[in-house]
């Protein structure tokens, strides 16, 4: 274990804020899983919407999720390591903490069926046995997850028998079952459909699209970054981040064309889909590492630090902001609220997301001047340590 206690790391909070901003933008683009493109838009606006969608999706999709997940694993390590230095085994508390996160996730599903908190809680439970494992063991699991084991099995099956169907556990049917409640129903209809169909839809989709194994991968990678104290300006960390910065650029330059062309060149649907999932993940990892390393270097070596520090309050209140954007986003787009899914194209979605994040940011800046944690963060912390003797 490290001999230095790890406190709050502002660059990590800034990164979490950047990732959350991207998540809000993407959710607005998706109309919170109620996809609908206005059919009466002029041709110029349709073309602009398409360009805004393609650009935003290229820059943010997959990278926000991977960054957010990476920092979740880092937080687990920090909490465990700090308690270990006090002679406390944090694993039972973390298990309880994940139960609480599942409850937050179920609450989120009452409004938005794309919740990720429940999946995080499940994957968090799965990595508990590894928090004290050696570096070699954790790296072995990271490599295994990088190989996308589920997709690898399907790829092999597809090569053996080209008629092997692509994985379909039924997530699409679950999502489709929610649409009537979102587009025509009341808030109660959405809540019932979210629990009945949204929960299985999320779990099944995460398995079908490799997100379950990817989440575990990023959690473990975050633990390793924590063990190396890489987010501190000490030792040769800056040199390491520079290597990651340039290495990620090279990796992305190689992986992007492979992702674009290789799956399309394969005639076997099952194999093509597996290659698409794996290459997309590797491409997103390289871009995520570029963003994380670039942000960290800017924070520690340039005047941009003072601007990144201002983002930190938004990242510190990530749970409050995440649940808040689900509730307000649903109220904006679903039938029970303003029903703007019928009228907003992607350009309007983008500006709406910017305005919404700006309001959240102003609230977070004000709140953190008067409180140590965000409201839901404080609730989560208090409930985590419930029953502990002071």
Protein backbone atom coordinates (compact mmCIF):
# COMPACT_ATOMS: atom_id res chain seq x y z
CA UNK A 1 0.00 0.00 0.00
CA UNK A 2 1.04 3.62 -0.51
CA UNK A 3 2.49 5.40 2.52
CA UNK A 4 0.89 8.72 1.55
CA UNK A 5 -2.82 9.28 2.07
CA UNK A 6 -4.55 10.30 -1.14
CA UNK A 7 -6.84 13.29 -0.83
CA UNK A 8 -9.00 15.14 -3.31
CA UNK A 9 -7.33 15.46 -6.73
CA UNK A 10 -8.61 18.52 -8.58
CA UNK A 11 -7.48 17.40 -12.03
CA UNK A 12 -9.49 14.21 -11.54
CA UNK A 13 -12.56 16.26 -10.60
CA UNK A 14 -12.01 18.36 -13.72
CA UNK A 15 -11.77 15.23 -15.86
CA UNK A 16 -14.93 13.86 -14.26
CA UNK A 17 -16.67 17.15 -15.05
CA UNK A 18 -15.54 17.03 -18.69
CA UNK A 19 -16.78 13.44 -19.01
CA UNK A 20 -20.12 14.31 -17.44
CA UNK A 21 -20.53 17.26 -19.80
CA UNK A 22 -20.07 14.91 -22.75
CA UNK A 23 -22.55 12.43 -21.27
CA UNK A 24 -25.22 15.14 -20.96
CA UNK A 25 -24.64 16.23 -24.56
CA UNK A 26 -24.94 12.66 -25.86
CA UNK A 27 -28.08 12.00 -23.83
CA UNK A 28 -29.67 15.15 -25.25
CA UNK A 29 -28.74 14.03 -28.77
CA UNK A 30 -30.47 10.72 -28.08
CA UNK A 31 -33.49 12.53 -26.56
CA UNK A 32 -32.90 10.29 -23.56
CA UNK A 33 -33.42 7.12 -25.61
CA UNK A 34 -36.45 8.51 -27.41
CA UNK A 35 -34.93 8.80 -30.87
CA UNK A 36 -36.93 11.08 -33.14
CA UNK A 37 -35.74 13.38 -35.94
CA UNK A 38 -38.13 16.13 -37.10
CA UNK A 39 -39.28 15.40 -40.64
CA UNK A 40 -40.33 18.93 -41.56
CA UNK A 41 -36.93 20.62 -41.14
CA UNK A 42 -35.47 22.53 -44.11
CA UNK A 43 -32.73 20.77 -46.05
CA UNK A 44 -29.97 23.05 -44.78
CA UNK A 45 -30.92 22.36 -41.15
CA UNK A 46 -31.11 18.61 -41.78
CA UNK A 47 -27.59 18.72 -43.23
CA UNK A 48 -26.37 20.80 -40.29
CA UNK A 49 -27.97 18.39 -37.82
CA UNK A 50 -26.22 15.49 -39.52
CA UNK A 51 -22.86 17.25 -39.31
CA UNK A 52 -23.36 18.19 -35.66
CA UNK A 53 -24.34 14.60 -34.84
CA UNK A 54 -21.37 13.05 -36.66
CA UNK A 55 -18.84 15.45 -35.15
CA UNK A 56 -20.16 15.24 -31.61
CA UNK A 57 -20.52 11.46 -31.72
CA UNK A 58 -16.99 11.07 -33.06
CA UNK A 59 -15.50 13.27 -30.33
CA UNK A 60 -17.55 12.13 -27.34
CA UNK A 61 -19.24 8.74 -27.77
CA UNK A 62 -17.43 6.02 -25.85
CA UNK A 63 -14.80 8.43 -24.55
CA UNK A 64 -17.04 9.97 -21.90
CA UNK A 65 -18.14 6.55 -20.66
CA UNK A 66 -14.58 5.21 -20.53
CA UNK A 67 -13.24 8.30 -18.72
CA UNK A 68 -16.08 8.23 -16.20
CA UNK A 69 -15.50 4.51 -15.59
CA UNK A 70 -11.74 4.93 -15.26
CA UNK A 71 -12.24 7.56 -12.56
CA UNK A 72 -14.74 5.34 -10.74
CA UNK A 73 -12.05 2.66 -10.39
CA UNK A 74 -9.57 5.30 -9.25
CA UNK A 75 -12.00 6.49 -6.56
CA UNK A 76 -12.44 2.93 -5.31
CA UNK A 77 -8.70 2.56 -4.97
CA UNK A 78 -8.34 5.88 -3.13
CA UNK A 79 -11.10 5.03 -0.66
CA UNK A 80 -9.72 1.54 -0.05
CA UNK A 81 -6.11 2.68 0.27
CA UNK A 82 -6.88 5.54 2.66
CA UNK A 83 -8.85 3.22 4.93
CA UNK A 84 -6.17 0.52 4.74
CA UNK A 85 -3.63 2.99 6.10
CA UNK A 86 -5.91 3.35 9.13
CA UNK A 87 -6.05 -0.42 9.53
CA UNK A 88 -9.62 -0.59 8.19
CA UNK A 89 -10.81 -3.11 5.58
CA UNK A 90 -12.96 -0.98 3.25
CA UNK A 91 -14.27 -3.91 1.18
CA UNK A 92 -17.42 -4.58 3.25
CA UNK A 93 -18.24 -0.85 3.20
CA UNK A 94 -17.66 -0.71 -0.53
CA UNK A 95 -20.02 -3.64 -1.03
CA UNK A 96 -22.67 -1.75 0.93
CA UNK A 97 -21.79 1.36 -1.06
CA UNK A 98 -22.55 -0.55 -4.28
CA UNK A 99 -25.91 -1.66 -2.87
CA UNK A 100 -26.69 2.02 -2.30
CA UNK A 101 -25.56 2.81 -5.84
CA UNK A 102 -27.97 0.17 -7.13
CA UNK A 103 -30.76 2.01 -5.32
CA UNK A 104 -29.68 5.27 -6.94
CA UNK A 105 -29.72 3.44 -10.26
CA UNK A 106 -33.24 2.13 -9.69
CA UNK A 107 -34.35 5.66 -8.84
CA UNK A 108 -32.74 6.89 -12.07
CA UNK A 109 -34.66 4.27 -14.05
CA UNK A 110 -37.92 5.82 -12.88
CA UNK A 111 -37.10 8.71 -15.22
CA UNK A 112 -34.53 7.52 -17.77
CA UNK A 113 -34.04 3.98 -19.04
CA UNK A 114 -30.41 4.55 -20.04
CA UNK A 115 -29.12 4.57 -16.45
CA UNK A 116 -25.54 3.42 -15.96
CA UNK A 117 -25.39 3.50 -12.16
CA UNK A 118 -26.88 0.02 -11.71
CA UNK A 119 -24.34 -1.45 -14.16
CA UNK A 120 -21.56 0.36 -12.30
CA UNK A 121 -22.77 -1.14 -9.03
CA UNK A 122 -22.79 -4.67 -10.46
CA UNK A 123 -19.31 -4.29 -11.94
CA UNK A 124 -18.11 -2.65 -8.72
CA UNK A 125 -19.14 -5.74 -6.77
CA UNK A 126 -17.29 -7.95 -9.25
CA UNK A 127 -13.97 -6.14 -8.79
CA UNK A 128 -13.99 -6.21 -4.98
CA UNK A 129 -11.99 -9.48 -4.85
CA UNK A 130 -9.29 -7.86 -7.01
CA UNK A 131 -8.66 -4.67 -5.04
CA UNK A 132 -5.91 -6.39 -3.01
CA UNK A 133 -4.60 -8.55 -5.83
CA UNK A 134 -1.05 -8.11 -7.11
CA UNK A 135 -0.31 -5.87 -10.06
CA UNK A 136 0.35 -8.93 -12.22
CA UNK A 137 -3.07 -10.40 -11.47
CA UNK A 138 -4.86 -7.13 -12.20
CA UNK A 139 -2.94 -6.63 -15.44
CA UNK A 140 -3.87 -10.17 -16.45
CA UNK A 141 -7.57 -9.33 -15.98
CA UNK A 142 -7.11 -6.04 -17.85
CA UNK A 143 -5.63 -7.90 -20.82
CA UNK A 144 -8.44 -10.44 -20.67
CA UNK A 145 -11.06 -7.67 -20.71
CA UNK A 146 -9.21 -5.91 -23.54
CA UNK A 147 -9.66 -9.04 -25.62
CA UNK A 148 -13.45 -8.67 -25.22
CA UNK A 149 -13.92 -12.31 -24.10
CA UNK A 150 -17.62 -12.54 -24.98
CA UNK A 151 -17.06 -11.14 -28.47
CA UNK A 152 -14.00 -13.37 -28.87
CA UNK A 153 -16.12 -16.46 -28.25
CA UNK A 154 -18.71 -15.32 -30.78
CA UNK A 155 -15.97 -14.49 -33.28
CA UNK A 156 -14.58 -18.01 -33.01
CA UNK A 157 -18.07 -19.50 -33.33
CA UNK A 158 -18.68 -17.36 -36.39
CA UNK A 159 -15.46 -18.52 -38.03
CA UNK A 160 -16.37 -22.15 -37.34
CA UNK A 161 -19.97 -21.72 -38.50
CA UNK A 162 -20.66 -18.58 -40.61
CA UNK A 163 -24.39 -18.99 -39.98
CA UNK A 164 -23.92 -18.25 -36.27
CA UNK A 165 -26.25 -15.34 -35.45
CA UNK A 166 -25.05 -12.17 -33.78
CA UNK A 167 -25.63 -11.97 -30.06
CA UNK A 168 -29.21 -10.92 -29.34
CA UNK A 169 -30.34 -11.20 -25.75
CA UNK A 170 -33.43 -9.08 -26.33
CA UNK A 171 -32.36 -5.58 -25.29
CA UNK A 172 -33.90 -3.99 -28.40
CA UNK A 173 -37.30 -5.50 -27.62
CA UNK A 174 -37.09 -4.13 -24.07
CA UNK A 175 -36.19 -0.65 -25.26
CA UNK A 176 -38.99 -0.69 -27.84
CA UNK A 177 -41.45 -1.63 -25.10
CA UNK A 178 -40.62 1.60 -23.26
CA UNK A 179 -41.17 3.97 -26.21
CA UNK A 180 -45.00 4.21 -25.89
CA UNK A 181 -44.65 5.39 -22.29
CA UNK A 182 -42.00 7.96 -23.24
CA UNK A 183 -43.77 9.31 -26.31
CA UNK A 184 -47.40 9.13 -25.17
CA UNK A 185 -47.61 8.25 -21.48
CA UNK A 186 -47.52 9.97 -18.12
CA UNK A 187 -44.64 10.18 -15.69
CA UNK A 188 -46.08 7.16 -13.87
CA UNK A 189 -46.15 5.19 -17.14
CA UNK A 190 -42.48 6.04 -17.72
CA UNK A 191 -41.56 5.00 -14.17
CA UNK A 192 -43.31 1.63 -14.43
CA UNK A 193 -41.82 0.94 -17.88
CA UNK A 194 -38.38 2.01 -16.67
CA UNK A 195 -38.33 -0.57 -13.90
CA UNK A 196 -40.11 -3.30 -15.85
CA UNK A 197 -38.19 -2.99 -19.11
CA UNK A 198 -35.38 -0.47 -18.52
CA UNK A 199 -33.45 -2.51 -15.97
CA UNK A 200 -33.24 -5.70 -18.08
CA UNK A 201 -32.67 -3.60 -21.21
CA UNK A 202 -29.60 -1.94 -19.69
CA UNK A 203 -28.07 -5.19 -18.47
CA UNK A 204 -28.75 -7.06 -21.70
CA UNK A 205 -27.49 -4.17 -23.86
CA UNK A 206 -24.30 -3.94 -21.78
CA UNK A 207 -23.60 -7.62 -22.40
CA UNK A 208 -24.55 -7.51 -26.10
CA UNK A 209 -22.32 -4.52 -26.82
CA UNK A 210 -19.33 -5.36 -24.66
CA UNK A 211 -20.02 -2.62 -22.10
CA UNK A 212 -20.05 -4.99 -19.13
CA UNK A 213 -16.51 -6.24 -19.72
CA UNK A 214 -15.38 -2.76 -20.78
CA UNK A 215 -16.65 -1.28 -17.52
CA UNK A 216 -14.70 -3.86 -15.51
CA UNK A 217 -11.65 -3.11 -17.66
CA UNK A 218 -11.76 0.63 -16.93
CA UNK A 219 -12.42 0.09 -13.24
CA UNK A 220 -9.29 -2.06 -13.01
CA UNK A 221 -7.27 0.39 -15.09
CA UNK A 222 -8.33 3.16 -12.71
CA UNK A 223 -7.10 1.08 -9.78
CA UNK A 224 -3.71 0.72 -11.45
CA UNK A 225 -3.46 4.46 -12.09
CA UNK A 226 -4.22 4.99 -8.41
CA UNK A 227 -1.50 2.57 -7.33
CA UNK A 228 0.99 4.48 -9.48
CA UNK A 229 -0.19 7.87 -8.13
CA UNK A 230 -0.08 9.10 -11.71
CA UNK A 231 -2.49 11.96 -11.13
CA UNK A 232 -0.02 13.61 -8.78
CA UNK A 233 2.77 15.88 -10.00
CA UNK A 234 5.58 13.83 -8.53
CA UNK A 235 8.48 11.68 -9.69
CA UNK A 236 8.53 11.14 -13.45
CA UNK A 237 4.72 11.20 -13.81
CA UNK A 238 4.77 14.06 -16.30
CA UNK A 239 7.15 12.11 -18.54
CA UNK A 240 4.83 9.11 -18.33
CA UNK A 241 1.82 11.25 -19.30
CA UNK A 242 3.78 12.64 -22.26
CA UNK A 243 4.49 9.11 -23.45
CA UNK A 244 0.81 8.22 -23.04
CA UNK A 245 -0.12 11.39 -24.92
CA UNK A 246 2.01 10.62 -27.97
CA UNK A 247 1.38 6.87 -27.80
CA UNK A 248 -2.37 7.37 -27.77
CA UNK A 249 -2.17 9.60 -30.85
CA UNK A 250 -0.27 6.94 -32.76
CA UNK A 251 -2.65 4.21 -31.57
CA UNK A 252 -5.69 6.23 -32.64
CA UNK A 253 -4.19 6.94 -36.06
CA UNK A 254 -3.76 3.19 -36.58
CA UNK A 255 -7.01 2.01 -35.05
CA UNK A 256 -9.38 4.49 -36.69
CA UNK A 257 -8.95 3.20 -40.26
CA UNK A 258 -8.99 -0.39 -39.00
CA UNK A 259 -12.33 0.31 -37.26
CA UNK A 260 -13.75 1.94 -40.38
CA UNK A 261 -12.70 -0.66 -42.93
CA UNK A 262 -12.01 -4.05 -41.34
CA UNK A 263 -15.53 -4.94 -40.08
CA UNK A 264 -17.03 -3.89 -43.44
CA UNK A 265 -14.59 -6.13 -45.27
CA UNK A 266 -15.75 -9.25 -43.39
CA UNK A 267 -18.73 -10.99 -44.96
CA UNK A 268 -19.72 -13.07 -41.91
CA UNK A 269 -22.15 -10.89 -39.86
CA UNK A 270 -21.29 -12.40 -36.49
CA UNK A 271 -17.53 -11.98 -37.04
CA UNK A 272 -17.99 -8.49 -38.47
CA UNK A 273 -20.01 -7.39 -35.46
CA UNK A 274 -17.45 -8.77 -32.98
CA UNK A 275 -14.61 -6.99 -34.79
CA UNK A 276 -16.65 -3.79 -34.81
CA UNK A 277 -17.18 -3.93 -31.03
CA UNK A 278 -13.53 -4.71 -30.26
CA UNK A 279 -11.99 -2.18 -32.65
CA UNK A 280 -14.41 0.50 -31.54
CA UNK A 281 -13.42 -0.07 -27.92
CA UNK A 282 -9.70 0.04 -28.69
CA UNK A 283 -10.18 3.21 -30.76
CA UNK A 284 -12.13 4.85 -27.96
CA UNK A 285 -9.53 3.82 -25.38
CA UNK A 286 -6.78 5.49 -27.40
CA UNK A 287 -8.79 8.71 -27.71
CA UNK A 288 -9.78 8.59 -24.04
CA UNK A 289 -6.10 8.26 -23.04
CA UNK A 290 -5.29 11.19 -25.32
CA UNK A 291 -7.94 13.34 -23.60
CA UNK A 292 -6.91 12.28 -20.08
CA UNK A 293 -3.18 12.73 -20.69
CA UNK A 294 -3.70 16.06 -22.49
CA UNK A 295 -5.87 17.39 -19.67
CA UNK A 296 -3.43 16.22 -17.00
CA UNK A 297 -0.46 17.81 -18.77
CA UNK A 298 -2.36 21.06 -19.29
CA UNK A 299 -3.25 21.08 -15.60
CA UNK A 300 0.27 20.52 -14.31
CA UNK A 301 2.33 22.34 -16.90
CA UNK A 302 0.32 25.25 -18.35
CA UNK A 303 -1.77 28.24 -17.29
CA UNK A 304 -4.86 26.28 -18.32
CA UNK A 305 -4.78 24.92 -14.77
CA UNK A 306 -6.79 27.88 -13.46
CA UNK A 307 -9.55 27.15 -15.97
CA UNK A 308 -9.60 23.42 -15.25
CA UNK A 309 -9.86 24.13 -11.52
CA UNK A 310 -13.10 25.97 -12.23
CA UNK A 311 -14.55 22.80 -13.75
CA UNK A 312 -13.78 20.77 -10.62
CA UNK A 313 -17.00 21.63 -8.70
CA UNK A 314 -19.04 20.16 -11.55
CA UNK A 315 -17.06 16.92 -11.33
CA UNK A 316 -17.23 16.81 -7.53
CA UNK A 317 -21.02 16.70 -7.77
CA UNK A 318 -21.13 14.04 -10.49
CA UNK A 319 -23.80 11.86 -8.83
CA UNK A 320 -26.09 14.84 -8.19
CA UNK A 321 -25.54 16.12 -11.72
CA UNK A 322 -26.00 12.72 -13.33
CA UNK A 323 -29.32 12.04 -11.63
CA UNK A 324 -30.37 15.65 -12.12
CA UNK A 325 -29.78 15.51 -15.87
CA UNK A 326 -31.86 12.31 -16.10
CA UNK A 327 -34.84 13.88 -14.36
CA UNK A 328 -34.70 17.24 -16.11
CA UNK A 329 -33.79 15.70 -19.46
CA UNK A 330 -36.80 13.40 -19.29
CA UNK A 331 -39.01 16.37 -18.37
CA UNK A 332 -37.71 18.26 -21.41
CA UNK A 333 -38.04 15.54 -24.03
CA UNK A 334 -40.72 13.06 -22.91
CA UNK A 335 -44.45 13.39 -23.44
CA UNK A 336 -45.17 13.93 -19.72
CA UNK A 337 -43.02 17.07 -19.82
CA UNK A 338 -42.40 19.48 -22.67
CA UNK A 339 -42.33 16.74 -25.31
CA UNK A 340 -39.51 18.40 -27.25
CA UNK A 341 -38.48 15.07 -28.80
CA UNK A 342 -41.01 15.92 -31.52
CA UNK A 343 -39.39 19.21 -32.46
CA UNK A 344 -35.67 19.27 -31.65
CA UNK A 345 -32.97 18.29 -34.12
CA UNK A 346 -29.36 17.70 -33.17
CA UNK A 347 -28.26 21.32 -33.51
CA UNK A 348 -30.98 22.42 -31.09
CA UNK A 349 -30.09 19.47 -28.86
CA UNK A 350 -26.49 20.65 -28.68
CA UNK A 351 -27.31 24.20 -27.64
CA UNK A 352 -29.88 22.91 -25.15
CA UNK A 353 -27.22 20.67 -23.59
CA UNK A 354 -24.76 23.58 -23.36
CA UNK A 355 -27.36 25.74 -21.62
CA UNK A 356 -28.34 22.94 -19.26
CA UNK A 357 -24.74 22.14 -18.28
CA UNK A 358 -24.09 25.86 -17.75
CA UNK A 359 -26.98 26.03 -15.27
CA UNK A 360 -25.76 22.89 -13.50
CA UNK A 361 -22.26 24.36 -13.38
CA UNK A 362 -23.46 27.60 -11.82
CA UNK A 363 -25.39 25.65 -9.20
CA UNK A 364 -22.39 23.44 -8.41
CA UNK A 365 -20.07 26.44 -8.09
CA UNK A 366 -22.46 28.08 -5.63
CA UNK A 367 -23.14 24.86 -3.69
CA UNK A 368 -19.50 23.88 -3.25
CA UNK A 369 -18.71 27.29 -1.75
CA UNK A 370 -20.96 26.39 1.17
CA UNK A 371 -20.69 22.59 1.41
CA UNK A 372 -18.02 19.93 1.37
CA UNK A 373 -19.99 17.61 -0.91
CA UNK A 374 -22.94 17.73 -3.26
CA UNK A 375 -26.37 16.86 -1.81
CA UNK A 376 -26.52 13.30 -3.16
CA UNK A 377 -22.80 12.80 -2.59
CA UNK A 378 -23.33 13.69 1.06
CA UNK A 379 -26.29 11.32 1.27
CA UNK A 380 -24.24 8.52 -0.29
CA UNK A 381 -21.32 9.17 2.06
CA UNK A 382 -23.51 9.32 5.16
CA UNK A 383 -25.33 6.12 4.22
CA UNK A 384 -22.01 4.39 3.38
CA UNK A 385 -20.67 4.98 6.88
CA UNK A 386 -23.96 4.40 8.66
CA UNK A 387 -23.40 2.61 11.96
CA UNK A 388 -19.70 3.41 12.17
CA UNK A 389 -18.64 4.50 15.65
CA UNK A 390 -16.90 7.85 15.73
